[in-house]
Amino acid sequence: MVTPEGRLVPRPSARVVLLDDADRLLLFSARNKDDGSVRWFTPGGGLVPGESHEQAALRELREETGLTDVSLGPEIWRGRPWTTVRGGVAYEVRQRYYMARVHAFEVDTSAFEEIEKAAITGHRWWTAAELVTTPDVLRPTELPELLPPLLRDGPPDSPIMVSG
């Protein structure tokens, strides 16, 4: 289903490139029901009405990891729009990625929403080298190329366009 005017429903989203003090990146996983492939992605999700991207990023971190005291860094990447269908509604997803640094911690997923409990199959911390060698799908797909300069040079001056 699309809007009565035939347009996709906008779904602004915020994601967090969460790096620990060992330069590892936290990613969550989900299995594709069609082909069984595994997809890894950063914490984050859609904005609720009246919420800024930054507020959504911090809320999603709290819900998905248990972190409550995070200093959110700048927007580093901006996802090219993509579409998805949920509950018969077609959405155009537009994601903004923010960077945050934290000390290593044990991820707490106890505040997952029902949709997350049903879809997310796991989480783990990844090194840049591990991203290069995984056969799994990564979101954004350019993660193996994006992470090393981010770790070496810090955030870019303006957001970089990425796939997804």
N, C-alpha and C. Protein backbone atom coordinates (compact mmCIF):
# COMPACT_ATOMS: atom_id res chain seq x y z
N MET A 1 0.84 -1.18 0.00
CA MET A 1 0.00 0.00 0.00
C MET A 1 0.89 1.24 0.00
N VAL A 2 0.51 2.22 -0.76
CA VAL A 2 1.18 3.52 -0.78
C VAL A 2 0.16 4.56 -0.36
N THR A 3 0.56 5.81 -0.27
CA THR A 3 -0.38 6.85 0.11
C THR A 3 -1.46 6.97 -0.96
N PRO A 4 -2.61 7.59 -0.63
CA PRO A 4 -3.66 7.76 -1.63
C PRO A 4 -3.17 8.47 -2.89
N GLU A 5 -2.15 9.30 -2.76
CA GLU A 5 -1.60 10.02 -3.91
C GLU A 5 -0.63 9.14 -4.71
N GLY A 6 -0.41 7.89 -4.26
CA GLY A 6 0.49 6.99 -4.97
C GLY A 6 1.95 7.12 -4.58
N ARG A 7 2.22 7.80 -3.47
CA ARG A 7 3.61 7.97 -3.03
C ARG A 7 3.95 6.98 -1.92
N LEU A 8 5.24 6.72 -1.78
CA LEU A 8 5.73 5.92 -0.66
C LEU A 8 5.60 6.74 0.62
N VAL A 9 5.41 6.07 1.74
CA VAL A 9 5.36 6.74 3.03
C VAL A 9 6.79 7.01 3.49
N PRO A 10 7.15 8.26 3.79
CA PRO A 10 8.52 8.55 4.24
C PRO A 10 8.80 7.90 5.59
N ARG A 11 10.00 7.35 5.76
CA ARG A 11 10.43 6.78 7.04
C ARG A 11 11.84 7.28 7.35
N PRO A 12 11.95 8.46 7.98
CA PRO A 12 13.26 8.93 8.38
C PRO A 12 13.80 8.04 9.50
N SER A 13 15.08 7.71 9.43
CA SER A 13 15.69 6.82 10.40
C SER A 13 17.05 7.34 10.83
N ALA A 14 17.48 6.93 12.02
CA ALA A 14 18.79 7.29 12.56
C ALA A 14 19.51 6.02 12.97
N ARG A 15 20.77 5.91 12.61
CA ARG A 15 21.58 4.75 12.94
C ARG A 15 22.86 5.24 13.60
N VAL A 16 23.49 4.35 14.37
CA VAL A 16 24.69 4.74 15.11
C VAL A 16 25.84 3.80 14.78
N VAL A 17 26.94 4.38 14.33
CA VAL A 17 28.19 3.65 14.14
C VAL A 17 28.87 3.68 15.50
N LEU A 18 28.63 2.62 16.28
CA LEU A 18 29.07 2.56 17.67
C LEU A 18 30.41 1.82 17.74
N LEU A 19 31.44 2.57 18.13
CA LEU A 19 32.80 2.04 18.19
C LEU A 19 33.27 1.96 19.63
N ASP A 20 33.91 0.83 19.98
CA ASP A 20 34.44 0.72 21.34
C ASP A 20 35.90 1.16 21.37
N ASP A 21 36.51 1.10 22.55
CA ASP A 21 37.88 1.58 22.71
C ASP A 21 38.92 0.69 22.04
N ALA A 22 38.50 -0.46 21.51
CA ALA A 22 39.40 -1.32 20.73
C ALA A 22 39.12 -1.16 19.23
N ASP A 23 38.40 -0.11 18.85
CA ASP A 23 38.06 0.18 17.44
C ASP A 23 37.18 -0.89 16.82
N ARG A 24 36.38 -1.56 17.64
CA ARG A 24 35.44 -2.55 17.11
C ARG A 24 34.08 -1.88 16.92
N LEU A 25 33.34 -2.36 15.92
CA LEU A 25 32.04 -1.82 15.54
C LEU A 25 30.95 -2.78 15.96
N LEU A 26 29.91 -2.28 16.63
CA LEU A 26 28.79 -3.14 17.03
C LEU A 26 27.79 -3.24 15.88
N LEU A 27 27.46 -4.48 15.51
CA LEU A 27 26.45 -4.74 14.50
C LEU A 27 25.46 -5.76 15.01
N PHE A 28 24.22 -5.64 14.54
CA PHE A 28 23.16 -6.61 14.82
C PHE A 28 22.91 -7.43 13.57
N SER A 29 22.36 -8.63 13.75
CA SER A 29 22.13 -9.51 12.60
C SER A 29 20.66 -9.88 12.46
N ALA A 30 20.30 -10.20 11.22
CA ALA A 30 18.97 -10.73 10.90
C ALA A 30 19.15 -11.70 9.74
N ARG A 31 18.30 -12.70 9.69
CA ARG A 31 18.37 -13.70 8.62
C ARG A 31 17.28 -13.41 7.60
N ASN A 32 17.66 -13.44 6.32
CA ASN A 32 16.71 -13.26 5.23
C ASN A 32 15.86 -14.52 5.12
N LYS A 33 14.55 -14.36 5.25
CA LYS A 33 13.64 -15.52 5.22
C LYS A 33 13.58 -16.18 3.85
N ASP A 34 13.89 -15.42 2.79
CA ASP A 34 13.81 -15.97 1.43
C ASP A 34 14.99 -16.87 1.10
N ASP A 35 16.21 -16.39 1.39
CA ASP A 35 17.38 -17.16 0.96
C ASP A 35 18.29 -17.62 2.10
N GLY A 36 17.94 -17.26 3.34
CA GLY A 36 18.72 -17.70 4.50
C GLY A 36 19.99 -16.92 4.75
N SER A 37 20.27 -15.91 3.93
CA SER A 37 21.49 -15.12 4.12
C SER A 37 21.39 -14.31 5.41
N VAL A 38 22.55 -13.97 5.96
CA VAL A 38 22.62 -13.17 7.18
C VAL A 38 23.04 -11.75 6.80
N ARG A 39 22.34 -10.79 7.40
CA ARG A 39 22.60 -9.37 7.15
C ARG A 39 22.99 -8.73 8.48
N TRP A 40 24.04 -7.90 8.47
CA TRP A 40 24.53 -7.21 9.66
C TRP A 40 24.34 -5.70 9.47
N PHE A 41 23.90 -5.02 10.53
CA PHE A 41 23.58 -3.59 10.44
C PHE A 41 23.82 -2.91 11.78
N THR A 42 23.96 -1.61 11.73
CA THR A 42 24.22 -0.82 12.93
C THR A 42 22.95 -0.64 13.76
N PRO A 43 23.09 -0.36 15.06
CA PRO A 43 21.91 -0.06 15.87
C PRO A 43 21.19 1.18 15.33
N GLY A 44 19.88 1.20 15.48
CA GLY A 44 19.11 2.36 15.04
C GLY A 44 17.74 1.98 14.57
N GLY A 45 16.99 2.98 14.13
CA GLY A 45 15.64 2.75 13.64
C GLY A 45 14.94 4.05 13.32
N GLY A 46 13.64 3.93 13.10
CA GLY A 46 12.84 5.06 12.67
C GLY A 46 12.58 6.09 13.75
N LEU A 47 12.38 7.33 13.30
CA LEU A 47 12.02 8.41 14.20
C LEU A 47 10.56 8.29 14.59
N VAL A 48 10.24 8.69 15.80
CA VAL A 48 8.85 8.82 16.21
C VAL A 48 8.46 10.29 16.00
N PRO A 49 7.16 10.57 15.84
CA PRO A 49 6.75 11.96 15.58
C PRO A 49 7.31 12.95 16.60
N GLY A 50 7.85 14.05 16.09
CA GLY A 50 8.39 15.11 16.93
C GLY A 50 9.82 14.88 17.38
N GLU A 51 10.43 13.78 16.97
CA GLU A 51 11.78 13.43 17.41
C GLU A 51 12.80 13.83 16.34
N SER A 52 13.94 14.36 16.77
CA SER A 52 15.02 14.67 15.84
C SER A 52 15.80 13.38 15.54
N HIS A 53 16.61 13.43 14.50
CA HIS A 53 17.45 12.27 14.19
C HIS A 53 18.38 11.95 15.36
N GLU A 54 18.96 12.97 15.97
CA GLU A 54 19.86 12.75 17.09
C GLU A 54 19.13 12.12 18.28
N GLN A 55 17.93 12.61 18.58
CA GLN A 55 17.14 12.03 19.68
C GLN A 55 16.80 10.58 19.38
N ALA A 56 16.44 10.29 18.14
CA ALA A 56 16.11 8.91 17.75
C ALA A 56 17.33 8.01 17.89
N ALA A 57 18.49 8.49 17.48
CA ALA A 57 19.71 7.69 17.59
C ALA A 57 19.98 7.31 19.04
N LEU A 58 19.86 8.27 19.95
CA LEU A 58 20.10 7.99 21.37
C LEU A 58 19.03 7.07 21.95
N ARG A 59 17.77 7.27 21.57
CA ARG A 59 16.69 6.39 22.05
C ARG A 59 16.92 4.97 21.57
N GLU A 60 17.24 4.82 20.29
CA GLU A 60 17.48 3.48 19.74
C GLU A 60 18.66 2.80 20.42
N LEU A 61 19.72 3.55 20.71
CA LEU A 61 20.85 2.96 21.44
C LEU A 61 20.41 2.45 22.80
N ARG A 62 19.61 3.24 23.49
CA ARG A 62 19.11 2.85 24.82
C ARG A 62 18.29 1.57 24.72
N GLU A 63 17.36 1.52 23.73
CA GLU A 63 16.49 0.35 23.57
C GLU A 63 17.25 -0.89 23.12
N GLU A 64 18.21 -0.72 22.23
CA GLU A 64 18.86 -1.86 21.60
C GLU A 64 20.13 -2.33 22.29
N THR A 65 20.75 -1.46 23.11
CA THR A 65 22.01 -1.84 23.75
C THR A 65 22.02 -1.66 25.25
N GLY A 66 21.07 -0.89 25.79
CA GLY A 66 21.06 -0.58 27.21
C GLY A 66 21.87 0.65 27.58
N LEU A 67 22.57 1.24 26.62
CA LEU A 67 23.39 2.42 26.90
C LEU A 67 22.52 3.64 27.16
N THR A 68 22.84 4.36 28.23
CA THR A 68 22.05 5.55 28.57
C THR A 68 22.88 6.83 28.60
N ASP A 69 24.19 6.71 28.63
CA ASP A 69 25.05 7.89 28.75
C ASP A 69 26.04 7.92 27.60
N VAL A 70 25.53 8.27 26.42
CA VAL A 70 26.36 8.27 25.21
C VAL A 70 26.46 9.69 24.68
N SER A 71 27.67 10.06 24.31
CA SER A 71 27.89 11.34 23.62
C SER A 71 27.84 11.04 22.14
N LEU A 72 26.79 11.50 21.51
CA LEU A 72 26.61 11.25 20.09
C LEU A 72 27.50 12.20 19.30
N GLY A 73 28.26 11.64 18.37
CA GLY A 73 29.11 12.45 17.52
C GLY A 73 28.34 12.97 16.32
N PRO A 74 29.07 13.42 15.33
CA PRO A 74 28.43 14.03 14.17
C PRO A 74 27.81 13.00 13.23
N GLU A 75 26.96 13.51 12.34
CA GLU A 75 26.44 12.67 11.26
C GLU A 75 27.61 12.43 10.32
N ILE A 76 27.87 11.15 10.03
CA ILE A 76 29.03 10.81 9.20
C ILE A 76 28.63 10.28 7.82
N TRP A 77 27.48 9.63 7.76
CA TRP A 77 27.02 9.04 6.50
C TRP A 77 25.54 9.34 6.33
N ARG A 78 25.10 9.35 5.08
CA ARG A 78 23.68 9.51 4.77
C ARG A 78 23.32 8.43 3.76
N GLY A 79 22.32 7.62 4.10
CA GLY A 79 21.95 6.51 3.23
C GLY A 79 21.12 6.95 2.03
N ARG A 80 21.43 6.36 0.88
CA ARG A 80 20.58 6.56 -0.30
C ARG A 80 19.21 5.97 0.02
N PRO A 81 18.13 6.61 -0.36
CA PRO A 81 16.79 6.10 -0.04
C PRO A 81 16.58 4.69 -0.62
N TRP A 82 15.87 3.87 0.15
CA TRP A 82 15.49 2.54 -0.29
C TRP A 82 14.08 2.25 0.21
N THR A 83 13.44 1.25 -0.34
CA THR A 83 12.05 0.98 0.02
C THR A 83 11.92 -0.37 0.72
N THR A 84 10.92 -0.44 1.58
CA THR A 84 10.58 -1.67 2.28
C THR A 84 9.07 -1.68 2.50
N VAL A 85 8.51 -2.85 2.69
CA VAL A 85 7.09 -2.99 2.97
C VAL A 85 6.93 -3.62 4.34
N ARG A 86 6.16 -2.98 5.21
CA ARG A 86 5.85 -3.50 6.55
C ARG A 86 4.36 -3.39 6.77
N GLY A 87 3.76 -4.51 7.10
CA GLY A 87 2.32 -4.49 7.37
C GLY A 87 1.51 -3.97 6.20
N GLY A 88 1.96 -4.24 4.98
CA GLY A 88 1.23 -3.81 3.80
C GLY A 88 1.46 -2.37 3.41
N VAL A 89 2.34 -1.66 4.12
CA VAL A 89 2.62 -0.26 3.82
C VAL A 89 4.01 -0.17 3.20
N ALA A 90 4.12 0.54 2.09
CA ALA A 90 5.40 0.73 1.41
C ALA A 90 6.06 2.01 1.92
N TYR A 91 7.28 1.87 2.44
CA TYR A 91 8.01 3.00 3.01
C TYR A 91 9.24 3.33 2.18
N GLU A 92 9.58 4.61 2.14
CA GLU A 92 10.87 5.04 1.62
C GLU A 92 11.74 5.39 2.82
N VAL A 93 12.77 4.59 3.04
CA VAL A 93 13.65 4.75 4.20
C VAL A 93 14.80 5.68 3.84
N ARG A 94 15.00 6.68 4.70
CA ARG A 94 16.10 7.63 4.55
C ARG A 94 16.86 7.66 5.86
N GLN A 95 18.07 7.12 5.84
CA GLN A 95 18.83 6.94 7.08
C GLN A 95 19.97 7.95 7.20
N ARG A 96 20.18 8.40 8.44
CA ARG A 96 21.35 9.20 8.78
C ARG A 96 22.14 8.41 9.81
N TYR A 97 23.44 8.35 9.60
CA TYR A 97 24.35 7.60 10.47
C TYR A 97 25.17 8.57 11.31
N TYR A 98 25.20 8.32 12.62
CA TYR A 98 25.97 9.12 13.56
C TYR A 98 27.06 8.26 14.18
N MET A 99 28.14 8.87 14.56
CA MET A 99 29.24 8.15 15.18
C MET A 99 29.19 8.36 16.69
N ALA A 100 29.53 7.29 17.43
CA ALA A 100 29.67 7.40 18.88
C ALA A 100 30.77 6.46 19.33
N ARG A 101 31.53 6.91 20.30
CA ARG A 101 32.60 6.11 20.91
C ARG A 101 32.21 5.76 22.33
N VAL A 102 32.45 4.50 22.71
CA VAL A 102 32.13 4.03 24.06
C VAL A 102 33.23 3.08 24.52
N HIS A 103 33.28 2.84 25.84
CA HIS A 103 34.13 1.78 26.37
C HIS A 103 33.43 0.46 26.06
N ALA A 104 34.19 -0.61 25.93
CA ALA A 104 33.60 -1.93 25.70
C ALA A 104 32.59 -2.22 26.82
N PHE A 105 31.47 -2.83 26.46
CA PHE A 105 30.42 -3.13 27.43
C PHE A 105 29.65 -4.35 26.97
N GLU A 106 28.86 -4.92 27.87
CA GLU A 106 28.00 -6.05 27.55
C GLU A 106 26.67 -5.50 27.04
N VAL A 107 26.31 -5.85 25.83
CA VAL A 107 25.08 -5.35 25.20
C VAL A 107 23.87 -5.92 25.92
N ASP A 108 22.90 -5.06 26.23
CA ASP A 108 21.66 -5.44 26.90
C ASP A 108 20.50 -5.22 25.93
N THR A 109 19.92 -6.30 25.44
CA THR A 109 18.82 -6.21 24.47
C THR A 109 17.45 -6.40 25.12
N SER A 110 17.37 -6.29 26.43
CA SER A 110 16.10 -6.55 27.13
C SER A 110 15.00 -5.54 26.79
N ALA A 111 15.35 -4.39 26.24
CA ALA A 111 14.33 -3.38 25.90
C ALA A 111 13.94 -3.43 24.42
N PHE A 112 14.32 -4.51 23.72
CA PHE A 112 13.91 -4.67 22.33
C PHE A 112 12.39 -4.56 22.21
N GLU A 113 11.94 -3.93 21.12
CA GLU A 113 10.52 -3.93 20.78
C GLU A 113 10.19 -5.29 20.18
N GLU A 114 8.91 -5.61 20.09
CA GLU A 114 8.49 -6.92 19.58
C GLU A 114 9.02 -7.19 18.18
N ILE A 115 9.00 -6.18 17.32
CA ILE A 115 9.49 -6.37 15.95
C ILE A 115 10.98 -6.71 15.95
N GLU A 116 11.75 -6.11 16.87
CA GLU A 116 13.17 -6.40 16.97
C GLU A 116 13.40 -7.81 17.52
N LYS A 117 12.61 -8.20 18.52
CA LYS A 117 12.73 -9.56 19.07
C LYS A 117 12.48 -10.60 17.99
N ALA A 118 11.55 -10.31 17.09
CA ALA A 118 11.20 -11.27 16.04
C ALA A 118 12.23 -11.30 14.92
N ALA A 119 12.88 -10.17 14.65
CA ALA A 119 13.75 -10.08 13.47
C ALA A 119 15.24 -10.23 13.77
N ILE A 120 15.70 -9.71 14.90
CA ILE A 120 17.14 -9.69 15.17
C ILE A 120 17.59 -11.02 15.74
N THR A 121 18.61 -11.59 15.12
CA THR A 121 19.09 -12.92 15.51
C THR A 121 20.35 -12.89 16.36
N GLY A 122 21.01 -11.75 16.47
CA GLY A 122 22.22 -11.67 17.28
C GLY A 122 22.91 -10.34 17.15
N HIS A 123 24.04 -10.24 17.83
CA HIS A 123 24.88 -9.04 17.74
C HIS A 123 26.32 -9.45 18.04
N ARG A 124 27.24 -8.64 17.56
CA ARG A 124 28.64 -8.87 17.89
C ARG A 124 29.45 -7.62 17.54
N TRP A 125 30.64 -7.57 18.12
CA TRP A 125 31.60 -6.51 17.84
C TRP A 125 32.52 -6.98 16.73
N TRP A 126 32.72 -6.15 15.71
CA TRP A 126 33.51 -6.48 14.54
C TRP A 126 34.75 -5.60 14.44
N THR A 127 35.87 -6.19 14.03
CA THR A 127 37.05 -5.40 13.68
C THR A 127 36.94 -5.04 12.20
N ALA A 128 37.72 -4.06 11.79
CA ALA A 128 37.73 -3.67 10.37
C ALA A 128 38.18 -4.85 9.51
N ALA A 129 39.14 -5.63 9.98
CA ALA A 129 39.63 -6.79 9.21
C ALA A 129 38.54 -7.85 9.05
N GLU A 130 37.73 -8.06 10.07
CA GLU A 130 36.66 -9.05 9.98
C GLU A 130 35.59 -8.64 8.98
N LEU A 131 35.33 -7.35 8.88
CA LEU A 131 34.34 -6.87 7.91
C LEU A 131 34.76 -7.19 6.48
N VAL A 132 36.04 -7.11 6.22
CA VAL A 132 36.56 -7.36 4.88
C VAL A 132 36.37 -8.82 4.46
N THR A 133 36.44 -9.74 5.42
CA THR A 133 36.44 -11.17 5.07
C THR A 133 35.09 -11.87 5.23
N THR A 134 34.09 -11.21 5.76
CA THR A 134 32.81 -11.89 5.97
C THR A 134 32.07 -12.13 4.65
N PRO A 135 31.45 -13.31 4.52
CA PRO A 135 30.61 -13.55 3.35
C PRO A 135 29.19 -13.01 3.55
N ASP A 136 28.88 -12.55 4.77
CA ASP A 136 27.54 -12.05 5.07
C ASP A 136 27.31 -10.69 4.44
N VAL A 137 26.04 -10.31 4.36
CA VAL A 137 25.64 -9.01 3.81
C VAL A 137 25.84 -7.95 4.89
N LEU A 138 26.44 -6.84 4.52
CA LEU A 138 26.66 -5.73 5.44
C LEU A 138 25.85 -4.53 5.00
N ARG A 139 25.32 -3.78 5.96
CA ARG A 139 24.59 -2.55 5.68
C ARG A 139 25.18 -1.43 6.50
N PRO A 140 25.66 -0.38 5.87
CA PRO A 140 25.75 -0.23 4.43
C PRO A 140 26.79 -1.19 3.84
N THR A 141 26.63 -1.51 2.56
CA THR A 141 27.50 -2.49 1.93
C THR A 141 28.96 -2.03 1.89
N GLU A 142 29.19 -0.74 1.95
CA GLU A 142 30.55 -0.20 1.88
C GLU A 142 31.27 -0.21 3.23
N LEU A 143 30.71 -0.84 4.26
CA LEU A 143 31.33 -0.81 5.59
C LEU A 143 32.82 -1.18 5.58
N PRO A 144 33.24 -2.23 4.86
CA PRO A 144 34.67 -2.56 4.88
C PRO A 144 35.56 -1.43 4.35
N GLU A 145 35.05 -0.62 3.43
CA GLU A 145 35.82 0.50 2.90
C GLU A 145 35.65 1.77 3.74
N LEU A 146 34.51 1.93 4.39
CA LEU A 146 34.21 3.14 5.16
C LEU A 146 34.88 3.17 6.53
N LEU A 147 34.99 2.01 7.18
CA LEU A 147 35.47 2.00 8.56
C LEU A 147 36.94 2.39 8.72
N PRO A 148 37.88 1.85 7.92
CA PRO A 148 39.29 2.23 8.14
C PRO A 148 39.57 3.73 8.10
N PRO A 149 39.07 4.48 7.10
CA PRO A 149 39.34 5.93 7.14
C PRO A 149 38.65 6.63 8.30
N LEU A 150 37.50 6.13 8.71
CA LEU A 150 36.82 6.71 9.87
C LEU A 150 37.67 6.54 11.13
N LEU A 151 38.24 5.35 11.29
CA LEU A 151 39.09 5.09 12.45
C LEU A 151 40.39 5.87 12.38
N ARG A 152 40.94 6.00 11.20
CA ARG A 152 42.23 6.66 11.02
C ARG A 152 42.11 8.18 11.07
N ASP A 153 41.10 8.73 10.36
CA ASP A 153 41.02 10.17 10.16
C ASP A 153 39.92 10.86 10.97
N GLY A 154 39.02 10.07 11.56
CA GLY A 154 37.89 10.65 12.27
C GLY A 154 36.75 10.96 11.33
N PRO A 155 35.72 11.62 11.85
CA PRO A 155 34.53 11.90 11.04
C PRO A 155 34.85 12.80 9.84
N PRO A 156 34.14 12.57 8.73
CA PRO A 156 34.32 13.45 7.56
C PRO A 156 33.73 14.84 7.84
N ASP A 157 34.13 15.81 7.03
CA ASP A 157 33.65 17.18 7.19
C ASP A 157 32.15 17.30 6.93
N SER A 158 31.65 16.47 6.02
CA SER A 158 30.21 16.43 5.74
C SER A 158 29.83 14.97 5.48
N PRO A 159 28.55 14.62 5.68
CA PRO A 159 28.14 13.23 5.52
C PRO A 159 28.44 12.66 4.15
N ILE A 160 28.89 11.42 4.11
CA ILE A 160 29.19 10.68 2.89
C ILE A 160 27.95 9.88 2.52
N MET A 161 27.59 9.88 1.23
CA MET A 161 26.47 9.08 0.77
C MET A 161 26.87 7.61 0.74
N VAL A 162 26.00 6.73 1.30
CA VAL A 162 26.25 5.30 1.34
C VAL A 162 25.02 4.56 0.85
N SER A 163 25.16 3.29 0.56
CA SER A 163 24.00 2.50 0.11
C SER A 163 23.24 2.02 1.33
N GLY A 164 22.03 2.54 1.49
CA GLY A 164 21.18 2.09 2.58
C GLY A 164 21.30 2.79 3.86
